[in-house]
């Protein structure tokens, strides 16, 4: 008899808890949409998902300007890549490499890239 009562209490308690969690989640979504947090979160997720680097970001990472030549890009790339290889920062190395790849496409379009 006591086991049956305990089982009913556990089932009723878990049902109440589940409904409270759903209600809290709905309220959090409503609050987020009112404050604009939901839109910002969605935009950040889209940015992270795209994984493409802009030309401006690539230039910033390598520390070059729009007037820099392809040779300057390669020189900066080699310096930064080697420096991060010694310090053991794979993340920074990958950022430097992606920046070079991004700019490689830009410079090829201008006729200054590696294949010209």
PDB file of N, CA and C in Angstrom:
ATOM      1  N   UNK A   1       0.822  -1.186   0.000  1.00  0.00           N
ATOM      2  CA  UNK A   1       0.000   0.000   0.000  1.00  0.00           C
ATOM      3  C   UNK A   1       0.875   1.262   0.000  1.00  0.00           C
ATOM      4  N   UNK A   2       1.923   1.279   0.845  1.00  0.00           N
ATOM      5  CA  UNK A   2       2.811   2.424   0.931  1.00  0.00           C
ATOM      6  C   UNK A   2       3.592   2.611  -0.370  1.00  0.00           C
ATOM      7  N   UNK A   3       3.964   1.525  -1.007  1.00  0.00           N
ATOM      8  CA  UNK A   3       4.699   1.599  -2.264  1.00  0.00           C
ATOM      9  C   UNK A   3       3.840   2.218  -3.352  1.00  0.00           C
ATOM     10  N   UNK A   4       2.561   1.877  -3.362  1.00  0.00           N
ATOM     11  CA  UNK A   4       1.644   2.415  -4.357  1.00  0.00           C
ATOM     12  C   UNK A   4       1.485   3.928  -4.169  1.00  0.00           C
ATOM     13  N   UNK A   5       1.363   4.368  -2.926  1.00  0.00           N
ATOM     14  CA  UNK A   5       1.234   5.794  -2.625  1.00  0.00           C
ATOM     15  C   UNK A   5       2.515   6.536  -3.027  1.00  0.00           C
ATOM     16  N   UNK A   6       3.665   5.945  -2.713  1.00  0.00           N
ATOM     17  CA  UNK A   6       4.956   6.546  -3.058  1.00  0.00           C
ATOM     18  C   UNK A   6       5.114   6.644  -4.576  1.00  0.00           C
ATOM     19  N   UNK A   7       4.723   5.626  -5.302  1.00  0.00           N
ATOM     20  CA  UNK A   7       4.803   5.626  -6.760  1.00  0.00           C
ATOM     21  C   UNK A   7       3.909   6.716  -7.343  1.00  0.00           C
ATOM     22  N   UNK A   8       2.693   6.858  -6.787  1.00  0.00           N
ATOM     23  CA  UNK A   8       1.789   7.912  -7.261  1.00  0.00           C
ATOM     24  C   UNK A   8       2.371   9.300  -7.000  1.00  0.00           C
ATOM     25  N   UNK A   9       2.975   9.479  -5.835  1.00  0.00           N
ATOM     26  CA  UNK A   9       3.595  10.760  -5.511  1.00  0.00           C
ATOM     27  C   UNK A   9       4.737  11.089  -6.465  1.00  0.00           C
ATOM     28  N   UNK A  10       5.545  10.094  -6.779  1.00  0.00           N
ATOM     29  CA  UNK A  10       6.670  10.309  -7.701  1.00  0.00           C
ATOM     30  C   UNK A  10       6.152  10.666  -9.086  1.00  0.00           C
ATOM     31  N   UNK A  11       5.148   9.965  -9.565  1.00  0.00           N
ATOM     32  CA  UNK A  11       4.602  10.234 -10.899  1.00  0.00           C
ATOM     33  C   UNK A  11       3.956  11.617 -10.944  1.00  0.00           C
ATOM     34  N   UNK A  12       3.159  11.951  -9.933  1.00  0.00           N
ATOM     35  CA  UNK A  12       2.522  13.272  -9.898  1.00  0.00           C
ATOM     36  C   UNK A  12       3.566  14.379  -9.771  1.00  0.00           C
ATOM     37  N   UNK A  13       4.567  14.161  -8.952  1.00  0.00           N
ATOM     38  CA  UNK A  13       5.623  15.162  -8.774  1.00  0.00           C
ATOM     39  C   UNK A  13       6.406  15.400 -10.057  1.00  0.00           C
ATOM     40  N   UNK A  14       6.717  14.321 -10.773  1.00  0.00           N
ATOM     41  CA  UNK A  14       7.463  14.492 -12.026  1.00  0.00           C
ATOM     42  C   UNK A  14       6.607  15.181 -13.073  1.00  0.00           C
ATOM     43  N   UNK A  15       5.316  14.919 -13.085  1.00  0.00           N
ATOM     44  CA  UNK A  15       4.418  15.605 -14.019  1.00  0.00           C
ATOM     45  C   UNK A  15       4.347  17.088 -13.737  1.00  0.00           C
ATOM     46  N   UNK A  16       4.243  17.435 -12.463  1.00  0.00           N
ATOM     47  CA  UNK A  16       4.201  18.850 -12.078  1.00  0.00           C
ATOM     48  C   UNK A  16       5.509  19.535 -12.444  1.00  0.00           C
ATOM     49  N   UNK A  17       6.625  18.875 -12.181  1.00  0.00           N
ATOM     50  CA  UNK A  17       7.942  19.430 -12.511  1.00  0.00           C
ATOM     51  C   UNK A  17       8.097  19.628 -14.010  1.00  0.00           C
ATOM     52  N   UNK A  18       7.643  18.665 -14.809  1.00  0.00           N
ATOM     53  CA  UNK A  18       7.746  18.777 -16.269  1.00  0.00           C
ATOM     54  C   UNK A  18       6.925  19.963 -16.769  1.00  0.00           C
ATOM     55  N   UNK A  19       5.689  20.121 -16.256  1.00  0.00           N
ATOM     56  CA  UNK A  19       4.860  21.256 -16.670  1.00  0.00           C
ATOM     57  C   UNK A  19       5.496  22.583 -16.270  1.00  0.00           C
ATOM     58  N   UNK A  20       6.104  22.634 -15.100  1.00  0.00           N
ATOM     59  CA  UNK A  20       6.755  23.866 -14.648  1.00  0.00           C
ATOM     60  C   UNK A  20       7.954  24.209 -15.536  1.00  0.00           C
ATOM     61  N   UNK A  21       8.707  23.207 -15.943  1.00  0.00           N
ATOM     62  CA  UNK A  21       9.853  23.451 -16.827  1.00  0.00           C
ATOM     63  C   UNK A  21       9.406  23.967 -18.189  1.00  0.00           C
ATOM     64  N   UNK A  22       8.353  23.378 -18.736  1.00  0.00           N
ATOM     65  CA  UNK A  22       7.840  23.826 -20.028  1.00  0.00           C
ATOM     66  C   UNK A  22       7.346  25.263 -19.918  1.00  0.00           C
ATOM     67  N   UNK A  23       6.623  25.571 -18.849  1.00  0.00           N
ATOM     68  CA  UNK A  23       6.121  26.928 -18.659  1.00  0.00           C
ATOM     69  C   UNK A  23       7.273  27.927 -18.493  1.00  0.00           C
ATOM     70  N   UNK A  24       8.308  27.553 -17.768  1.00  0.00           N
ATOM     71  CA  UNK A  24       9.466  28.432 -17.578  1.00  0.00           C
ATOM     72  C   UNK A  24      10.195  28.659 -18.896  1.00  0.00           C
ATOM     73  N   UNK A  25      10.306  27.619 -19.715  1.00  0.00           N
ATOM     74  CA  UNK A  25      10.967  27.741 -21.014  1.00  0.00           C
ATOM     75  C   UNK A  25      10.182  28.683 -21.912  1.00  0.00           C
ATOM     76  N   UNK A  26       8.849  28.527 -21.938  1.00  0.00           N
ATOM     77  CA  UNK A  26       8.013  29.418 -22.750  1.00  0.00           C
ATOM     78  C   UNK A  26       8.150  30.869 -22.288  1.00  0.00           C
ATOM     79  N   UNK A  27       8.188  31.069 -20.988  1.00  0.00           N
ATOM     80  CA  UNK A  27       8.333  32.420 -20.451  1.00  0.00           C
ATOM     81  C   UNK A  27       9.697  33.003 -20.807  1.00  0.00           C
ATOM     82  N   UNK A  28      10.738  32.183 -20.756  1.00  0.00           N
ATOM     83  CA  UNK A  28      12.076  32.651 -21.119  1.00  0.00           C
ATOM     84  C   UNK A  28      12.133  33.046 -22.591  1.00  0.00           C
ATOM     85  N   UNK A  29      11.474  32.264 -23.458  1.00  0.00           N
ATOM     86  CA  UNK A  29      11.430  32.616 -24.881  1.00  0.00           C
ATOM     87  C   UNK A  29      10.682  33.920 -25.103  1.00  0.00           C
ATOM     88  N   UNK A  30       9.590  34.101 -24.390  1.00  0.00           N
ATOM     89  CA  UNK A  30       8.821  35.338 -24.524  1.00  0.00           C
ATOM     90  C   UNK A  30       9.647  36.535 -24.065  1.00  0.00           C
ATOM     91  N   UNK A  31      10.335  36.395 -22.949  1.00  0.00           N
ATOM     92  CA  UNK A  31      11.173  37.484 -22.443  1.00  0.00           C
ATOM     93  C   UNK A  31      12.321  37.787 -23.398  1.00  0.00           C
ATOM     94  N   UNK A  32      12.904  36.749 -23.960  1.00  0.00           N
ATOM     95  CA  UNK A  32      14.031  36.938 -24.878  1.00  0.00           C
ATOM     96  C   UNK A  32      13.581  37.650 -26.139  1.00  0.00           C
ATOM     97  N   UNK A  33      12.415  37.296 -26.650  1.00  0.00           N
ATOM     98  CA  UNK A  33      11.950  37.950 -27.875  1.00  0.00           C
ATOM     99  C   UNK A  33      11.590  39.410 -27.616  1.00  0.00           C
ATOM    100  N   UNK A  34      11.128  39.730 -26.418  1.00  0.00           N
ATOM    101  CA  UNK A  34      10.812  41.118 -26.080  1.00  0.00           C
ATOM    102  C   UNK A  34      12.075  41.965 -25.989  1.00  0.00           C
ATOM    103  N   UNK A  35      13.151  41.398 -25.470  1.00  0.00           N
ATOM    104  CA  UNK A  35      14.372  42.171 -25.270  1.00  0.00           C
ATOM    105  C   UNK A  35      15.318  42.123 -26.462  1.00  0.00           C
ATOM    106  N   UNK A  36      15.020  41.312 -27.462  1.00  0.00           N
ATOM    107  CA  UNK A  36      15.877  41.225 -28.637  1.00  0.00           C
ATOM    108  C   UNK A  36      17.010  40.239 -28.483  1.00  0.00           C
ATOM    109  N   UNK A  37      17.087  39.545 -27.380  1.00  0.00           N
ATOM    110  CA  UNK A  37      18.158  38.579 -27.160  1.00  0.00           C
ATOM    111  C   UNK A  37      18.038  37.417 -28.135  1.00  0.00           C
ATOM    112  N   UNK A  38      16.806  37.002 -28.424  1.00  0.00           N
ATOM    113  CA  UNK A  38      16.602  35.875 -29.333  1.00  0.00           C
ATOM    114  C   UNK A  38      17.150  36.200 -30.718  1.00  0.00           C
ATOM    115  N   UNK A  39      16.885  37.416 -31.201  1.00  0.00           N
ATOM    116  CA  UNK A  39      17.378  37.809 -32.525  1.00  0.00           C
ATOM    117  C   UNK A  39      18.901  37.850 -32.543  1.00  0.00           C
ATOM    118  N   UNK A  40      19.504  38.402 -31.499  1.00  0.00           N
ATOM    119  CA  UNK A  40      20.963  38.470 -31.422  1.00  0.00           C
ATOM    120  C   UNK A  40      21.580  37.073 -31.369  1.00  0.00           C
ATOM    121  N   UNK A  41      20.965  36.186 -30.618  1.00  0.00           N
ATOM    122  CA  UNK A  41      21.458  34.816 -30.523  1.00  0.00           C
ATOM    123  C   UNK A  41      21.383  34.126 -31.868  1.00  0.00           C
ATOM    124  N   UNK A  42      20.290  34.331 -32.582  1.00  0.00           N
ATOM    125  CA  UNK A  42      20.128  33.739 -33.903  1.00  0.00           C
ATOM    126  C   UNK A  42      21.180  34.280 -34.870  1.00  0.00           C
ATOM    127  N   UNK A  43      21.430  35.580 -34.833  1.00  0.00           N
ATOM    128  CA  UNK A  43      22.437  36.170 -35.708  1.00  0.00           C
ATOM    129  C   UNK A  43      23.826  35.629 -35.397  1.00  0.00           C
ATOM    130  N   UNK A  44      24.154  35.476 -34.119  1.00  0.00           N
ATOM    131  CA  UNK A  44      25.450  34.926 -33.732  1.00  0.00           C
ATOM    132  C   UNK A  44      25.588  33.484 -34.205  1.00  0.00           C
ATOM    133  N   UNK A  45      24.520  32.717 -34.119  1.00  0.00           N
ATOM    134  CA  UNK A  45      24.562  31.330 -34.571  1.00  0.00           C
ATOM    135  C   UNK A  45      24.794  31.263 -36.071  1.00  0.00           C
ATOM    136  N   UNK A  46      24.168  32.160 -36.815  1.00  0.00           N
ATOM    137  CA  UNK A  46      24.352  32.182 -38.260  1.00  0.00           C
ATOM    138  C   UNK A  46      25.789  32.559 -38.595  1.00  0.00           C
ATOM    139  N   UNK A  47      26.348  33.540 -37.879  1.00  0.00           N
ATOM    140  CA  UNK A  47      27.739  33.943 -38.119  1.00  0.00           C
ATOM    141  C   UNK A  47      28.696  32.802 -37.846  1.00  0.00           C
ATOM    142  N   UNK A  48      28.462  32.092 -36.728  1.00  0.00           N
ATOM    143  CA  UNK A  48      29.346  30.976 -36.392  1.00  0.00           C
ATOM    144  C   UNK A  48      29.218  29.846 -37.398  1.00  0.00           C
ATOM    145  N   UNK A  49      28.020  29.638 -37.906  1.00  0.00           N
ATOM    146  CA  UNK A  49      27.787  28.527 -38.824  1.00  0.00           C
ATOM    147  C   UNK A  49      28.396  28.788 -40.192  1.00  0.00           C
ATOM    148  N   UNK A  50      28.532  30.047 -40.583  1.00  0.00           N
ATOM    149  CA  UNK A  50      29.010  30.347 -41.931  1.00  0.00           C
ATOM    150  C   UNK A  50      30.478  29.979 -42.120  1.00  0.00           C
ATOM    151  N   UNK A  51      31.297  30.136 -41.118  1.00  0.00           N
ATOM    152  CA  UNK A  51      32.712  29.746 -41.135  1.00  0.00           C
ATOM    153  C   UNK A  51      33.535  30.449 -42.206  1.00  0.00           C
ATOM    154  N   UNK A  52      32.952  31.340 -42.979  1.00  0.00           N
ATOM    155  CA  UNK A  52      33.733  32.040 -43.990  1.00  0.00           C
ATOM    156  C   UNK A  52      34.296  33.314 -43.381  1.00  0.00           C
ATOM    157  N   UNK A  53      35.497  33.624 -43.777  1.00  0.00           N
ATOM    158  CA  UNK A  53      36.183  34.804 -43.257  1.00  0.00           C
ATOM    159  C   UNK A  53      36.048  35.923 -44.281  1.00  0.00           C
ATOM    160  N   UNK A  54      35.771  37.109 -43.803  1.00  0.00           N
ATOM    161  CA  UNK A  54      35.686  38.250 -44.704  1.00  0.00           C
ATOM    162  C   UNK A  54      37.093  38.746 -45.030  1.00  0.00           C
ATOM    163  N   UNK A  55      37.191  39.492 -46.108  1.00  0.00           N
ATOM    164  CA  UNK A  55      38.487  40.049 -46.504  1.00  0.00           C
ATOM    165  C   UNK A  55      39.009  40.993 -45.431  1.00  0.00           C
ATOM    166  N   UNK A  56      38.117  41.788 -44.863  1.00  0.00           N
ATOM    167  CA  UNK A  56      38.522  42.738 -43.825  1.00  0.00           C
ATOM    168  C   UNK A  56      39.076  41.997 -42.607  1.00  0.00           C
ATOM    169  N   UNK A  57      38.406  40.912 -42.203  1.00  0.00           N
ATOM    170  CA  UNK A  57      38.880  40.136 -41.060  1.00  0.00           C
ATOM    171  C   UNK A  57      40.236  39.500 -41.359  1.00  0.00           C
ATOM    172  N   UNK A  58      40.401  39.000 -42.577  1.00  0.00           N
ATOM    173  CA  UNK A  58      41.664  38.385 -42.965  1.00  0.00           C
ATOM    174  C   UNK A  58      42.800  39.408 -42.927  1.00  0.00           C
ATOM    175  N   UNK A  59      42.528  40.597 -43.428  1.00  0.00           N
ATOM    176  CA  UNK A  59      43.558  41.659 -43.403  1.00  0.00           C
ATOM    177  C   UNK A  59      43.896  42.057 -41.972  1.00  0.00           C
ATOM    178  N   UNK A  60      42.889  42.076 -41.114  1.00  0.00           N
ATOM    179  CA  UNK A  60      43.104  42.425 -39.714  1.00  0.00           C
ATOM    180  C   UNK A  60      43.970  41.370 -39.030  1.00  0.00           C
ATOM    181  N   UNK A  61      43.711  40.116 -39.295  1.00  0.00           N
ATOM    182  CA  UNK A  61      44.471  39.033 -38.665  1.00  0.00           C
ATOM    183  C   UNK A  61      45.938  39.098 -39.079  1.00  0.00           C
ATOM    184  N   UNK A  62      46.177  39.322 -40.371  1.00  0.00           N
ATOM    185  CA  UNK A  62      47.557  39.364 -40.865  1.00  0.00           C
ATOM    186  C   UNK A  62      48.213  40.733 -40.653  1.00  0.00           C
ATOM    187  N   UNK A  63      47.416  41.730 -40.322  1.00  0.00           N
ATOM    188  CA  UNK A  63      47.973  43.060 -40.064  1.00  0.00           C
ATOM    189  C   UNK A  63      48.451  43.749 -41.319  1.00  0.00           C
ATOM    190  N   UNK A  64      47.666  43.670 -42.382  1.00  0.00           N
ATOM    191  CA  UNK A  64      48.030  44.308 -43.650  1.00  0.00           C
ATOM    192  C   UNK A  64      46.919  45.244 -44.087  1.00  0.00           C
ATOM    193  N   UNK A  65      47.239  46.098 -45.038  1.00  0.00           N
ATOM    194  CA  UNK A  65      46.262  47.039 -45.572  1.00  0.00           C
ATOM    195  C   UNK A  65      45.803  46.575 -46.943  1.00  0.00           C
ATOM    196  N   UNK A  66      44.847  47.298 -47.519  1.00  0.00           N
ATOM    197  CA  UNK A  66      44.345  46.947 -48.849  1.00  0.00           C
ATOM    198  C   UNK A  66      45.393  47.184 -49.931  1.00  0.00           C
ATOM    199  N   UNK A  67      46.345  48.041 -49.648  1.00  0.00           N
ATOM    200  CA  UNK A  67      47.373  48.337 -50.653  1.00  0.00           C
ATOM    201  C   UNK A  67      48.575  47.394 -50.560  1.00  0.00           C
ATOM    202  N   UNK A  68      48.542  46.443 -49.652  1.00  0.00           N
ATOM    203  CA  UNK A  68      49.663  45.508 -49.491  1.00  0.00           C
ATOM    204  C   UNK A  68      49.752  44.563 -50.685  1.00  0.00           C
ATOM    205  N   UNK A  69      50.974  44.225 -51.046  1.00  0.00           N
ATOM    206  CA  UNK A  69      51.187  43.305 -52.163  1.00  0.00           C
ATOM    207  C   UNK A  69      51.070  41.862 -51.680  1.00  0.00           C
ATOM    208  N   UNK A  70      50.990  40.932 -52.642  1.00  0.00           N
ATOM    209  CA  UNK A  70      50.886  39.510 -52.306  1.00  0.00           C
ATOM    210  C   UNK A  70      52.143  39.044 -51.564  1.00  0.00           C
ATOM    211  N   UNK A  71      53.287  39.596 -51.908  1.00  0.00           N
ATOM    212  CA  UNK A  71      54.529  39.236 -51.220  1.00  0.00           C
ATOM    213  C   UNK A  71      54.479  39.627 -49.753  1.00  0.00           C
ATOM    214  N   UNK A  72      53.896  40.795 -49.466  1.00  0.00           N
ATOM    215  CA  UNK A  72      53.742  41.224 -48.065  1.00  0.00           C
ATOM    216  C   UNK A  72      52.797  40.293 -47.310  1.00  0.00           C
ATOM    217  N   UNK A  73      51.752  39.853 -47.992  1.00  0.00           N
ATOM    218  CA  UNK A  73      50.809  38.914 -47.383  1.00  0.00           C
ATOM    219  C   UNK A  73      51.534  37.626 -47.015  1.00  0.00           C
ATOM    220  N   UNK A  74      52.315  37.103 -47.953  1.00  0.00           N
ATOM    221  CA  UNK A  74      53.055  35.862 -47.686  1.00  0.00           C
ATOM    222  C   UNK A  74      54.071  36.031 -46.568  1.00  0.00           C
ATOM    223  N   UNK A  75      54.739  37.175 -46.542  1.00  0.00           N
ATOM    224  CA  UNK A  75      55.727  37.434 -45.496  1.00  0.00           C
ATOM    225  C   UNK A  75      55.059  37.473 -44.118  1.00  0.00           C
ATOM    226  N   UNK A  76      53.943  38.187 -44.011  1.00  0.00           N
ATOM    227  CA  UNK A  76      53.208  38.251 -42.743  1.00  0.00           C
ATOM    228  C   UNK A  76      52.698  36.864 -42.354  1.00  0.00           C
ATOM    229  N   UNK A  77      52.180  36.133 -43.338  1.00  0.00           N
ATOM    230  CA  UNK A  77      51.669  34.791 -43.083  1.00  0.00           C
ATOM    231  C   UNK A  77      52.771  33.897 -42.517  1.00  0.00           C
ATOM    232  N   UNK A  78      53.929  33.879 -43.195  1.00  0.00           N
ATOM    233  CA  UNK A  78      55.036  33.028 -42.739  1.00  0.00           C
ATOM    234  C   UNK A  78      55.465  33.394 -41.323  1.00  0.00           C
ATOM    235  N   UNK A  79      55.594  34.687 -41.055  1.00  0.00           N
ATOM    236  CA  UNK A  79      56.024  35.148 -39.733  1.00  0.00           C
ATOM    237  C   UNK A  79      55.039  34.716 -38.653  1.00  0.00           C
ATOM    238  N   UNK A  80      53.754  35.004 -38.866  1.00  0.00           N
ATOM    239  CA  UNK A  80      52.737  34.681 -37.858  1.00  0.00           C
ATOM    240  C   UNK A  80      52.548  33.175 -37.700  1.00  0.00           C
ATOM    241  N   UNK A  81      52.601  32.450 -38.805  1.00  0.00           N
ATOM    242  CA  UNK A  81      52.407  30.997 -38.735  1.00  0.00           C
ATOM    243  C   UNK A  81      53.537  30.351 -37.935  1.00  0.00           C
ATOM    244  N   UNK A  82      54.757  30.749 -38.214  1.00  0.00           N
ATOM    245  CA  UNK A  82      55.908  30.183 -37.496  1.00  0.00           C
ATOM    246  C   UNK A  82      55.905  30.587 -36.024  1.00  0.00           C
ATOM    247  N   UNK A  83      55.564  31.825 -35.764  1.00  0.00           N
ATOM    248  CA  UNK A  83      55.523  32.297 -34.380  1.00  0.00           C
ATOM    249  C   UNK A  83      54.509  31.496 -33.558  1.00  0.00           C
ATOM    250  N   UNK A  84      53.360  31.204 -34.139  1.00  0.00           N
ATOM    251  CA  UNK A  84      52.338  30.442 -33.434  1.00  0.00           C
ATOM    252  C   UNK A  84      52.649  28.953 -33.409  1.00  0.00           C
ATOM    253  N   UNK A  85      53.456  28.476 -34.335  1.00  0.00           N
ATOM    254  CA  UNK A  85      53.880  27.077 -34.296  1.00  0.00           C
ATOM    255  C   UNK A  85      54.801  26.854 -33.106  1.00  0.00           C
ATOM    256  N   UNK A  86      55.647  27.833 -32.810  1.00  0.00           N
ATOM    257  CA  UNK A  86      56.577  27.720 -31.685  1.00  0.00           C
ATOM    258  C   UNK A  86      55.860  27.818 -30.346  1.00  0.00           C
ATOM    259  N   UNK A  87      54.852  28.705 -30.271  1.00  0.00           N
ATOM    260  CA  UNK A  87      54.144  28.875 -29.002  1.00  0.00           C
ATOM    261  C   UNK A  87      53.085  27.800 -28.785  1.00  0.00           C
ATOM    262  N   UNK A  88      52.777  27.028 -29.814  1.00  0.00           N
ATOM    263  CA  UNK A  88      51.841  25.924 -29.666  1.00  0.00           C
ATOM    264  C   UNK A  88      50.384  26.302 -29.760  1.00  0.00           C
ATOM    265  N   UNK A  89      50.057  27.438 -30.397  1.00  0.00           N
ATOM    266  CA  UNK A  89      48.667  27.851 -30.512  1.00  0.00           C
ATOM    267  C   UNK A  89      48.109  27.409 -31.861  1.00  0.00           C
ATOM    268  N   UNK A  90      47.490  26.236 -31.872  1.00  0.00           N
ATOM    269  CA  UNK A  90      46.912  25.710 -33.107  1.00  0.00           C
ATOM    270  C   UNK A  90      45.748  26.575 -33.581  1.00  0.00           C
ATOM    271  N   UNK A  91      44.971  27.120 -32.650  1.00  0.00           N
ATOM    272  CA  UNK A  91      43.833  27.967 -33.001  1.00  0.00           C
ATOM    273  C   UNK A  91      44.304  29.187 -33.793  1.00  0.00           C
ATOM    274  N   UNK A  92      45.337  29.865 -33.288  1.00  0.00           N
ATOM    275  CA  UNK A  92      45.840  31.049 -33.979  1.00  0.00           C
ATOM    276  C   UNK A  92      46.465  30.675 -35.320  1.00  0.00           C
ATOM    277  N   UNK A  93      47.138  29.536 -35.347  1.00  0.00           N
ATOM    278  CA  UNK A  93      47.709  29.072 -36.605  1.00  0.00           C
ATOM    279  C   UNK A  93      46.620  28.867 -37.645  1.00  0.00           C
ATOM    280  N   UNK A  94      45.509  28.273 -37.240  1.00  0.00           N
ATOM    281  CA  UNK A  94      44.427  28.015 -38.187  1.00  0.00           C
ATOM    282  C   UNK A  94      43.792  29.320 -38.653  1.00  0.00           C
ATOM    283  N   UNK A  95      43.684  30.303 -37.763  1.00  0.00           N
ATOM    284  CA  UNK A  95      43.147  31.605 -38.150  1.00  0.00           C
ATOM    285  C   UNK A  95      44.056  32.283 -39.178  1.00  0.00           C
ATOM    286  N   UNK A  96      45.347  32.216 -38.952  1.00  0.00           N
ATOM    287  CA  UNK A  96      46.316  32.817 -39.874  1.00  0.00           C
ATOM    288  C   UNK A  96      46.230  32.117 -41.232  1.00  0.00           C
ATOM    289  N   UNK A  97      46.113  30.800 -41.212  1.00  0.00           N
ATOM    290  CA  UNK A  97      46.025  30.036 -42.458  1.00  0.00           C
ATOM    291  C   UNK A  97      44.736  30.370 -43.218  1.00  0.00           C
ATOM    292  N   UNK A  98      43.616  30.463 -42.506  1.00  0.00           N
ATOM    293  CA  UNK A  98      42.349  30.818 -43.154  1.00  0.00           C
ATOM    294  C   UNK A  98      42.410  32.227 -43.734  1.00  0.00           C
ATOM    295  N   UNK A  99      43.093  33.130 -43.038  1.00  0.00           N
ATOM    296  CA  UNK A  99      43.234  34.496 -43.536  1.00  0.00           C
ATOM    297  C   UNK A  99      44.018  34.505 -44.838  1.00  0.00           C
ATOM    298  N   UNK A 100      45.080  33.716 -44.895  1.00  0.00           N
ATOM    299  CA  UNK A 100      45.876  33.638 -46.125  1.00  0.00           C
ATOM    300  C   UNK A 100      45.047  33.054 -47.259  1.00  0.00           C
ATOM    301  N   UNK A 101      44.281  32.006 -46.976  1.00  0.00           N
ATOM    302  CA  UNK A 101      43.447  31.396 -48.011  1.00  0.00           C
ATOM    303  C   UNK A 101      42.407  32.382 -48.533  1.00  0.00           C
ATOM    304  N   UNK A 102      41.815  33.148 -47.637  1.00  0.00           N
ATOM    305  CA  UNK A 102      40.815  34.139 -48.030  1.00  0.00           C
ATOM    306  C   UNK A 102      41.437  35.190 -48.940  1.00  0.00           C
ATOM    307  N   UNK A 103      42.583  35.694 -48.549  1.00  0.00           N
ATOM    308  CA  UNK A 103      43.244  36.732 -49.342  1.00  0.00           C
ATOM    309  C   UNK A 103      43.815  36.181 -50.644  1.00  0.00           C
ATOM    310  N   UNK A 104      44.146  34.904 -50.636  1.00  0.00           N
ATOM    311  CA  UNK A 104      44.646  34.271 -51.859  1.00  0.00           C
ATOM    312  C   UNK A 104      43.591  34.377 -52.963  1.00  0.00           C
ATOM    313  N   UNK A 105      42.336  34.120 -52.614  1.00  0.00           N
ATOM    314  CA  UNK A 105      41.256  34.226 -53.591  1.00  0.00           C
ATOM    315  C   UNK A 105      41.080  35.667 -54.052  1.00  0.00           C
ATOM    316  N   UNK A 106      41.213  36.608 -53.132  1.00  0.00           N
ATOM    317  CA  UNK A 106      41.065  38.026 -53.478  1.00  0.00           C
ATOM    318  C   UNK A 106      42.173  38.459 -54.438  1.00  0.00           C
ATOM    319  N   UNK A 107      43.400  38.087 -54.121  1.00  0.00           N
ATOM    320  CA  UNK A 107      44.533  38.502 -54.958  1.00  0.00           C
ATOM    321  C   UNK A 107      44.534  37.785 -56.302  1.00  0.00           C
ATOM    322  N   UNK A 108      44.027  36.563 -56.359  1.00  0.00           N
ATOM    323  CA  UNK A 108      43.913  35.880 -57.648  1.00  0.00           C
ATOM    324  C   UNK A 108      42.928  36.611 -58.538  1.00  0.00           C
ATOM    325  N   UNK A 109      41.858  37.115 -57.940  1.00  0.00           N
ATOM    326  CA  UNK A 109      40.877  37.876 -58.688  1.00  0.00           C
ATOM    327  C   UNK A 109      41.452  39.178 -59.247  1.00  0.00           C
ATOM    328  N   UNK A 110      42.424  39.741 -58.552  1.00  0.00           N
ATOM    329  CA  UNK A 110      43.079  40.974 -58.996  1.00  0.00           C
ATOM    330  C   UNK A 110      44.241  40.692 -59.953  1.00  0.00           C
ATOM    331  N   UNK A 111      44.577  39.414 -60.132  1.00  0.00           N
ATOM    332  CA  UNK A 111      45.690  39.075 -61.014  1.00  0.00           C
ATOM    333  C   UNK A 111      47.041  39.174 -60.346  1.00  0.00           C
ATOM    334  N   UNK A 112      47.087  39.212 -59.002  1.00  0.00           N
ATOM    335  CA  UNK A 112      48.341  39.337 -58.269  1.00  0.00           C
ATOM    336  C   UNK A 112      48.640  38.087 -57.454  1.00  0.00           C
ATOM    337  N   UNK A 113      47.752  37.123 -57.483  1.00  0.00           N
ATOM    338  CA  UNK A 113      47.854  35.970 -56.592  1.00  0.00           C
ATOM    339  C   UNK A 113      48.962  35.008 -56.922  1.00  0.00           C
ATOM    340  N   UNK A 114      48.962  33.864 -56.264  1.00  0.00           N
ATOM    341  CA  UNK A 114      50.030  32.885 -56.388  1.00  0.00           C
ATOM    342  C   UNK A 114      50.127  32.248 -57.777  1.00  0.00           C
ATOM    343  N   UNK A 115      49.020  32.159 -58.505  1.00  0.00           N
ATOM    344  CA  UNK A 115      49.083  31.491 -59.803  1.00  0.00           C
ATOM    345  C   UNK A 115      49.397  32.448 -60.939  1.00  0.00           C
ATOM    346  N   UNK A 116      49.564  33.741 -60.632  1.00  0.00           N
ATOM    347  CA  UNK A 116      49.873  34.686 -61.708  1.00  0.00           C
ATOM    348  C   UNK A 116      51.321  35.054 -61.745  1.00  0.00           C
TER     349      UNK A 116
END
